[in-house]
Protein backbone atom coordinates (compact mmCIF):
# COMPACT_ATOMS: atom_id res chain seq x y z
CA MET A 1 151.13 213.76 -24.20
CA ASN A 2 153.03 215.54 -26.95
CA LEU A 3 155.32 218.54 -26.88
CA THR A 4 155.85 220.54 -30.08
CA THR A 5 159.32 221.90 -30.63
CA ALA A 6 160.73 224.06 -33.39
CA ALA A 7 163.60 221.95 -34.52
CA ALA A 8 167.26 222.41 -35.01
CA ILE A 9 168.06 220.34 -32.00
CA CYS A 10 171.33 219.05 -33.33
CA ASN A 11 174.09 216.67 -32.55
CA ASN A 12 177.22 218.17 -31.10
CA THR A 13 179.96 218.82 -33.55
CA ALA A 14 183.32 217.29 -32.82
CA SER A 15 184.50 218.87 -29.63
CA SER A 16 187.52 221.10 -29.87
CA THR A 17 188.34 220.23 -26.26
CA PRO A 18 191.17 217.67 -26.07
CA LEU A 19 190.12 214.22 -24.89
CA TYR A 20 192.61 214.29 -22.05
CA VAL A 21 190.58 217.11 -20.45
CA GLY A 22 187.61 214.76 -20.29
CA PHE A 23 189.71 212.03 -18.72
CA ILE A 24 191.11 214.51 -16.21
CA GLY A 25 187.52 215.43 -15.33
CA ALA A 26 186.68 211.76 -14.86
CA ILE A 27 189.75 211.20 -12.69
CA VAL A 28 188.94 214.23 -10.53
CA ALA A 29 185.36 213.03 -10.15
CA THR A 30 186.50 209.52 -9.27
CA LEU A 31 188.99 210.62 -6.61
CA PHE A 32 186.74 213.23 -4.99
CA PHE A 33 183.56 211.13 -5.07
CA GLY A 34 185.51 208.28 -3.52
CA SER A 35 186.94 210.43 -0.73
CA ASN A 36 184.44 213.17 0.03
CA PHE A 37 182.98 211.47 3.11
CA VAL A 38 186.38 210.74 4.64
CA PRO A 39 186.72 214.13 6.42
CA VAL A 40 183.55 213.42 8.43
CA LYS A 41 183.93 209.68 8.89
CA LYS A 42 185.28 209.96 12.44
CA PHE A 43 183.10 212.87 13.51
CA GLU A 44 179.73 212.58 15.17
CA THR A 45 177.07 213.59 12.64
CA GLY A 46 173.99 212.60 14.63
CA ASP A 47 171.04 211.77 12.40
CA GLY A 48 172.70 213.42 9.40
CA ILE A 49 170.15 216.15 8.66
CA PHE A 50 172.24 219.04 9.93
CA PHE A 51 175.35 217.54 8.36
CA GLN A 52 173.64 217.27 4.97
CA TRP A 53 172.54 220.89 5.19
CA VAL A 54 176.15 221.98 5.78
CA LEU A 55 177.31 219.69 2.96
CA CYS A 56 174.74 221.09 0.53
CA ALA A 57 175.54 224.68 1.48
CA ALA A 58 179.14 224.02 0.44
CA ILE A 59 177.96 222.34 -2.78
CA TRP A 60 175.83 225.38 -3.64
CA HIS A 61 178.84 227.67 -3.21
CA VAL A 62 180.79 225.53 -5.67
CA GLY A 63 177.88 225.92 -8.09
CA LEU A 64 177.90 229.66 -7.52
CA VAL A 65 181.57 229.85 -8.50
CA VAL A 66 180.96 227.75 -11.63
CA GLY A 67 177.96 229.90 -12.53
CA ALA A 68 180.05 233.05 -12.19
CA ILE A 69 182.81 231.58 -14.36
CA ARG A 70 180.18 230.69 -16.99
CA HIS A 71 178.72 234.24 -16.71
CA PHE A 72 175.47 232.85 -15.28
CA PRO A 73 173.84 231.28 -18.35
CA LYS A 74 170.07 230.82 -18.67
CA PHE A 75 168.60 229.28 -15.53
CA TYR A 76 166.29 226.32 -16.19
CA PRO A 77 164.18 225.62 -13.07
CA LEU A 78 163.56 222.06 -14.27
CA ALA A 79 167.28 221.37 -13.80
CA MET A 80 166.71 221.86 -10.07
CA LEU A 81 164.71 218.63 -10.05
CA GLY A 82 167.90 216.65 -10.59
CA GLY A 83 169.42 218.29 -7.54
CA ALA A 84 166.30 217.46 -5.54
CA LEU A 85 166.57 213.79 -6.54
CA TRP A 86 170.20 213.64 -5.51
CA CYS A 87 169.55 215.37 -2.18
CA THR A 88 166.68 213.00 -1.35
CA GLY A 89 168.96 210.03 -1.88
CA ASN A 90 171.82 211.63 -0.03
CA VAL A 91 169.76 212.23 3.12
CA THR A 92 170.09 208.48 3.80
CA THR A 93 173.90 208.48 3.57
CA VAL A 94 174.68 208.77 7.29
CA PHE A 95 172.23 205.96 8.06
CA ILE A 96 173.86 203.78 5.39
CA ILE A 97 177.39 204.38 6.68
CA LYS A 98 176.34 203.60 10.26
CA THR A 99 174.55 200.38 9.31
CA ILE A 100 176.71 198.72 6.66
CA GLY A 101 179.82 200.89 6.54
CA LEU A 102 181.35 203.33 4.09
CA ALA A 103 182.97 200.73 1.83
CA GLN A 104 180.00 198.43 1.28
CA GLY A 105 177.52 201.28 1.18
CA PHE A 106 179.59 203.00 -1.47
CA LEU A 107 179.77 199.85 -3.57
CA ILE A 108 176.03 199.14 -3.45
CA TRP A 109 174.77 202.65 -4.13
CA GLY A 110 177.42 203.01 -6.85
CA SER A 111 176.11 199.88 -8.58
CA ALA A 112 172.50 201.05 -8.37
CA ASN A 113 173.61 204.42 -9.72
CA LEU A 114 175.22 202.78 -12.75
CA ILE A 115 172.26 200.51 -13.47
CA LEU A 116 169.53 203.18 -13.22
CA GLY A 117 171.60 205.69 -15.16
CA TRP A 118 172.11 203.14 -17.91
CA LEU A 119 168.46 202.08 -18.06
CA SER A 120 167.14 205.62 -18.30
CA GLY A 121 169.55 206.54 -21.09
CA ARG A 122 169.45 203.27 -23.01
CA PHE A 123 165.66 203.00 -23.15
CA GLY A 124 164.75 206.68 -23.10
CA TRP A 125 162.94 206.78 -19.79
CA PHE A 126 161.27 209.96 -18.54
CA GLY A 127 161.17 211.64 -21.91
CA ILE A 128 164.87 211.67 -22.77
CA LYS A 129 166.00 210.25 -26.09
CA LYS A 130 167.18 206.68 -26.37
CA GLU A 131 170.90 206.04 -26.59
CA ILE A 132 171.47 203.09 -28.89
CA PRO A 133 174.91 201.50 -28.37
CA ASN A 134 177.10 200.72 -31.36
CA ASN A 135 177.90 197.38 -29.77
CA PRO A 136 174.80 196.08 -27.95
CA ALA A 137 176.57 192.87 -26.92
CA PHE A 138 179.28 194.77 -25.03
CA ASN A 139 176.68 197.09 -23.57
CA TYR A 140 174.43 194.35 -22.19
CA ALA A 141 177.40 192.31 -21.01
CA GLY A 142 178.79 195.29 -19.13
CA VAL A 143 175.53 196.00 -17.36
CA GLY A 144 175.09 192.30 -16.61
CA LEU A 145 178.49 192.22 -14.93
CA ALA A 146 177.56 195.28 -12.91
CA LEU A 147 174.42 193.51 -11.70
CA LEU A 148 176.43 190.42 -10.80
CA ALA A 149 178.92 192.52 -8.87
CA ALA A 150 176.09 194.21 -6.97
CA VAL A 151 174.85 190.81 -5.81
CA ILE A 152 178.34 189.83 -4.62
CA TYR A 153 178.73 193.10 -2.71
CA ILE A 154 175.69 192.22 -0.61
CA PHE A 155 177.50 189.15 0.77
CA ILE A 156 180.52 191.14 1.90
CA LYS A 157 180.18 191.77 5.62
CA SER A 158 181.60 194.91 7.14
CA GLU A 159 182.22 195.91 10.74
CA ALA A 160 180.72 199.40 10.74
CA LYS A 161 180.80 201.27 14.01
CA SER A 162 178.02 203.61 15.01
CA LYS A 163 180.10 205.65 17.43
CA VAL A 164 183.14 207.81 16.86
CA ASN A 165 186.33 205.78 17.00
CA THR A 166 188.82 207.72 19.05
CA THR A 167 191.69 205.34 18.21
CA VAL A 168 191.90 206.81 14.71
CA SER A 169 192.42 210.55 14.43
CA PRO A 170 190.03 212.32 12.03
CA LEU A 171 191.42 214.36 9.18
CA VAL A 172 190.26 217.50 10.99
CA SER A 173 191.32 216.50 14.50
CA ASP A 174 190.31 217.71 17.95
CA GLU A 175 191.33 215.75 21.03
CA GLU A 176 188.47 217.29 23.03
CA GLN A 177 185.84 216.10 20.54
CA GLU A 178 184.25 213.35 22.63
CA LYS A 179 184.18 215.48 25.76
CA LEU A 180 182.44 218.31 23.93
CA ILE A 181 179.92 215.97 22.32
CA ARG A 182 178.95 214.51 25.71
CA GLN A 183 178.71 218.01 27.16
CA SER A 184 176.49 219.07 24.25
CA VAL A 185 174.18 216.11 24.85
CA ARG A 186 173.90 216.92 28.58
CA GLU A 187 173.14 220.57 27.87
CA HIS A 188 170.54 219.54 25.31
CA ASP A 189 168.87 217.24 27.84
CA GLU A 190 168.87 219.95 30.50
CA GLU A 191 166.95 222.21 28.12
CA GLY A 192 164.01 219.83 28.16
CA SER A 193 164.80 216.99 25.77
CA THR A 194 163.38 213.82 27.32
CA SER A 195 162.76 211.33 24.56
CA PRO A 196 165.23 208.43 24.24
CA SER A 197 165.83 209.20 20.57
CA ASP A 198 166.61 212.80 21.44
CA ARG A 199 169.11 211.91 24.15
CA ASN A 200 171.05 209.59 21.89
CA ASP A 201 170.54 209.79 18.16
CA ASP A 202 172.37 206.50 17.66
CA THR A 203 169.94 204.57 19.88
CA PHE A 204 167.66 203.53 17.02
CA ILE A 205 170.51 201.97 15.07
CA GLU A 206 172.12 200.40 18.13
CA ARG A 207 168.87 198.73 19.20
CA MET A 208 168.44 197.00 15.86
CA ASN A 209 169.68 193.44 15.57
CA PRO A 210 172.58 193.01 13.12
CA LYS A 211 170.44 191.29 10.47
CA SER A 212 167.76 194.01 10.41
CA ARG A 213 170.42 196.71 10.46
CA ARG A 214 172.12 195.13 7.47
CA ILE A 215 168.90 194.68 5.47
CA LEU A 216 167.79 198.26 6.04
CA GLY A 217 171.27 199.56 5.23
CA ILE A 218 171.35 197.68 1.92
CA ALA A 219 167.82 198.83 1.03
CA ALA A 220 168.73 202.44 1.80
CA ALA A 221 171.87 202.17 -0.35
CA ILE A 222 169.86 200.83 -3.30
CA PHE A 223 167.28 203.62 -2.87
CA ALA A 224 169.97 206.29 -2.72
CA GLY A 225 171.82 204.87 -5.72
CA SER A 226 168.62 204.77 -7.78
CA LEU A 227 168.02 208.48 -7.21
CA TYR A 228 171.67 209.24 -7.91
CA GLY A 229 171.34 207.43 -11.24
CA LEU A 230 168.44 209.64 -12.29
CA ASN A 231 169.78 212.98 -11.09
CA PHE A 232 171.12 213.96 -14.53
CA THR A 233 167.84 213.10 -16.28
CA PRO A 234 166.24 216.58 -16.02
CA VAL A 235 169.35 218.23 -17.48
CA ILE A 236 169.48 215.70 -20.32
CA TYR A 237 165.77 216.24 -20.90
CA ILE A 238 166.35 219.98 -21.26
CA GLN A 239 169.24 219.43 -23.68
CA ASP A 240 167.17 216.97 -25.72
CA ARG A 241 163.85 218.83 -25.79
CA TYR A 242 164.44 222.56 -25.28
CA HIS A 243 165.22 224.56 -28.40
CA GLY A 244 168.43 226.53 -28.00
CA ALA A 245 169.46 224.79 -24.80
CA SER A 246 173.21 224.67 -24.26
CA ASP A 247 174.99 221.37 -24.82
CA ASN A 248 177.59 222.29 -22.19
CA GLY A 249 176.70 220.60 -18.92
CA LEU A 250 178.51 223.28 -16.91
CA ASP A 251 175.74 225.71 -17.87
CA TYR A 252 173.34 223.70 -15.70
CA VAL A 253 175.57 223.28 -12.66
CA PHE A 254 174.28 226.31 -10.78
CA ALA A 255 170.62 225.35 -11.28
CA HIS A 256 171.36 221.73 -10.38
CA PHE A 257 173.23 222.69 -7.22
CA SER A 258 170.52 225.21 -6.31
CA GLY A 259 168.04 222.34 -6.36
CA ILE A 260 170.31 220.42 -4.01
CA PHE A 261 170.55 223.24 -1.48
CA ALA A 262 166.85 224.15 -1.68
CA THR A 263 165.81 220.55 -1.02
CA SER A 264 168.28 220.19 1.81
CA THR A 265 166.96 223.39 3.39
CA LEU A 266 163.42 222.01 3.12
CA PHE A 267 164.52 218.80 4.88
CA MET A 268 166.19 220.90 7.57
CA PHE A 269 163.04 222.97 8.09
CA VAL A 270 160.82 219.89 8.41
CA TYR A 271 163.36 218.27 10.74
CA CYS A 272 163.44 221.32 13.03
CA ALA A 273 159.64 221.32 13.13
CA ILE A 274 159.50 217.62 14.02
CA MET A 275 162.15 218.11 16.71
CA LYS A 276 160.17 221.06 18.13
CA ASN A 277 162.99 223.47 17.36
CA LYS A 278 165.53 221.35 19.25
CA PRO A 279 167.55 219.81 16.40
CA ARG A 280 170.66 217.81 17.12
CA VAL A 281 173.42 220.15 15.96
CA TYR A 282 177.08 219.15 16.24
CA ALA A 283 179.28 222.20 15.81
CA LYS A 284 182.39 220.08 15.26
CA VAL A 285 181.01 218.76 11.97
CA LEU A 286 180.79 222.23 10.40
CA LEU A 287 184.32 222.46 9.00
CA PRO A 288 184.68 218.81 7.87
CA GLY A 289 181.14 218.93 6.48
CA PHE A 290 181.94 222.02 4.45
CA ILE A 291 185.16 220.41 3.19
CA SER A 292 183.18 217.31 2.22
CA GLY A 293 180.66 219.42 0.32
CA ILE A 294 183.35 221.29 -1.58
CA MET A 295 184.93 217.96 -2.54
CA TRP A 296 181.58 216.64 -3.77
CA GLY A 297 180.88 219.81 -5.74
CA ILE A 298 184.28 219.63 -7.45
CA ALA A 299 183.67 215.96 -8.24
CA ASP A 300 180.30 216.68 -9.84
CA VAL A 301 181.77 219.51 -11.91
CA GLY A 302 184.38 217.01 -13.11
CA TRP A 303 181.52 214.71 -14.09
CA PHE A 304 179.83 217.45 -16.11
CA ILE A 305 183.13 218.08 -17.92
CA ALA A 306 183.61 214.37 -18.61
CA ASN A 307 180.06 214.12 -19.96
CA LYS A 308 180.73 216.95 -22.42
CA VAL A 309 184.12 215.79 -23.68
CA LEU A 310 183.88 211.99 -23.49
CA SER A 311 180.08 211.58 -23.81
CA GLU A 312 177.95 209.75 -21.29
CA PRO A 313 178.54 206.20 -22.57
CA ILE A 314 182.19 206.63 -21.62
CA SER A 315 182.01 208.85 -18.55
CA PHE A 316 179.02 207.31 -16.76
CA PRO A 317 180.40 203.78 -16.29
CA ILE A 318 183.76 205.15 -15.18
CA ILE A 319 182.46 207.67 -12.67
CA THR A 320 179.76 205.46 -11.17
CA THR A 321 181.95 202.38 -10.87
CA LEU A 322 185.43 203.49 -9.85
CA PRO A 323 184.71 205.82 -6.87
CA PRO A 324 183.46 202.90 -4.76
CA PHE A 325 186.93 201.37 -5.04
CA ILE A 326 188.43 204.53 -3.63
CA GLY A 327 185.93 204.15 -0.82
CA VAL A 328 186.99 200.53 -0.42
CA LEU A 329 190.62 201.54 -0.06
CA TRP A 330 189.65 203.91 2.75
CA GLY A 331 187.37 201.31 4.31
CA VAL A 332 189.90 198.49 4.18
CA PHE A 333 193.20 200.21 4.94
CA VAL A 334 192.17 203.16 7.13
CA PHE A 335 188.81 202.45 8.77
CA LYS A 336 189.26 198.64 8.95
CA GLU A 337 185.60 197.97 8.11
CA ILE A 338 186.20 194.90 5.96
CA LYS A 339 188.24 192.05 7.39
CA GLY A 340 188.74 188.35 6.85
CA LYS A 341 189.95 186.15 4.02
CA ARG A 342 186.42 185.40 2.77
CA ASN A 343 185.55 189.09 2.52
CA TYR A 344 188.81 189.90 0.76
CA ILE A 345 188.18 187.16 -1.81
CA LEU A 346 184.61 188.32 -2.45
CA LEU A 347 185.76 191.92 -2.63
CA SER A 348 188.47 191.07 -5.16
CA ILE A 349 186.04 189.12 -7.34
CA ALA A 350 183.42 191.86 -7.17
CA GLY A 351 186.04 194.48 -7.95
CA LEU A 352 187.30 192.68 -11.03
CA ILE A 353 183.75 192.11 -12.26
CA THR A 354 182.86 195.76 -11.71
CA ILE A 355 185.91 197.00 -13.60
CA GLY A 356 185.19 194.57 -16.42
CA GLY A 357 181.60 195.75 -16.59
CA ALA A 358 182.66 199.40 -16.69
CA VAL A 359 185.15 198.74 -19.49
CA LEU A 360 182.66 196.79 -21.61
CA THR A 361 179.95 199.41 -21.11
CA GLY A 362 182.37 202.15 -22.08
CA LEU A 363 183.57 200.28 -25.16
CA SER A 364 179.98 199.85 -26.36
CA LYS A 365 180.13 203.59 -27.07
CA GLY A 366 176.51 204.65 -27.57
CA THR A 367 175.42 207.01 -30.30
CA THR A 368 174.59 210.53 -29.28
CA LYS A 369 171.13 211.44 -28.09
CA LYS A 370 171.09 214.75 -29.95
CA ASP A 371 170.62 213.79 -33.59
CA CYS A 372 169.64 216.75 -35.75
CA VAL A 373 165.98 217.45 -36.39
CA HIS A 374 165.67 220.03 -39.17
CA ASN A 375 161.91 220.52 -39.17
CA THR A 376 159.34 221.43 -36.59
CA THR A 377 158.51 218.15 -34.88
CA THR A 378 156.23 216.77 -32.25
CA VAL A 379 157.97 214.58 -29.73
CA ALA A 380 156.45 212.39 -27.09
CA THR A 381 157.06 213.26 -23.50
CA THR A 382 155.98 211.71 -20.25
CA PRO A 383 153.10 213.11 -18.19
CA ILE A 384 155.33 213.26 -15.11
CA ILE A 385 158.00 215.42 -16.72
CA THR A 386 155.43 217.59 -18.52
CA THR A 387 153.44 218.21 -15.33
CA LEU A 388 156.55 219.10 -13.36
CA GLN A 389 157.76 221.31 -16.19
CA ASN A 390 154.47 223.23 -16.31
CA LEU A 391 154.29 223.60 -12.53
CA ILE A 392 157.86 224.89 -12.28
CA GLU A 393 157.70 227.26 -15.23
CA ASN A 394 154.33 228.70 -14.17
CA PHE A 395 155.45 229.21 -10.57
């Protein structure tokens, strides 16, 4: 199917923003993406649905602030699709952390994020324009190293714990936490909850044998990472195909984050219906969950800034590859999830390979997607994107 556009979709002129601003954005994104789940690591989050809703509410508020600062630019509903993709992947996060741990989960979904993000941009998937690297050899080598690292990560065994570990104080501490959680469960049961899964939301994970738990955790991490890697695609599609669309990624933050919160609210509604209006709600996760969401929102804003100043070929490998190492530092030195000489050796090798892959991919420095088109042109688009676009804009 074709989409006719009146041209003048042009390449960005040299940015007047200093390069160091882009690197600061990348550093902020790296640190906050790598640490945003730490505040809730030692808190009971149940099945994660309520926690995600709190997280996404905080994210939306960050988007609201950014939108206000940008004087609320034109709202593109299609940009919400990216937020929906991210939220759908993120709903599996709690399950991933409880099955394979924060460190390994972070590494696997980060690798999948890098690979899918690269594939969609490099080959022009889903209607966005191809990004041809100046140095294809570096580009392919970098992605190949990322794939190799992802395979090595799978063989690193963690010691994730399903229950709250009271020997390590959470960042937002409360010495009565366990007592209150048990009291909440008893009160919930007294109100008529009788199913085993309702009495203990960790039962499903605990009943799984270690091998099945690990396989499902890895599969969930790959699924989540794949959706993460595609969450910028709708925004890029708008910038590539919509006449007059802003080239500043910050102008799409509010729409993107609105998609996140709307999808999370939908998940919460369905969850409450399935649970017959008796959802597992842990009040103690409210504050740390909100802090986690604010951290994530700030990180994603940093990513948008890095995309604008550095361009995606530079920012994407950095921001998808380095945050997992922040997660590893937390997992190894604070949460003690990865132990043993063999694991440390594998982790070191995988880390070096991942960094090497990120550097090579960044050095390949792809050409911009927004080459000027001075005449009215007809560009090919995918049926999926076109259908979604028509449905959203005619809603």
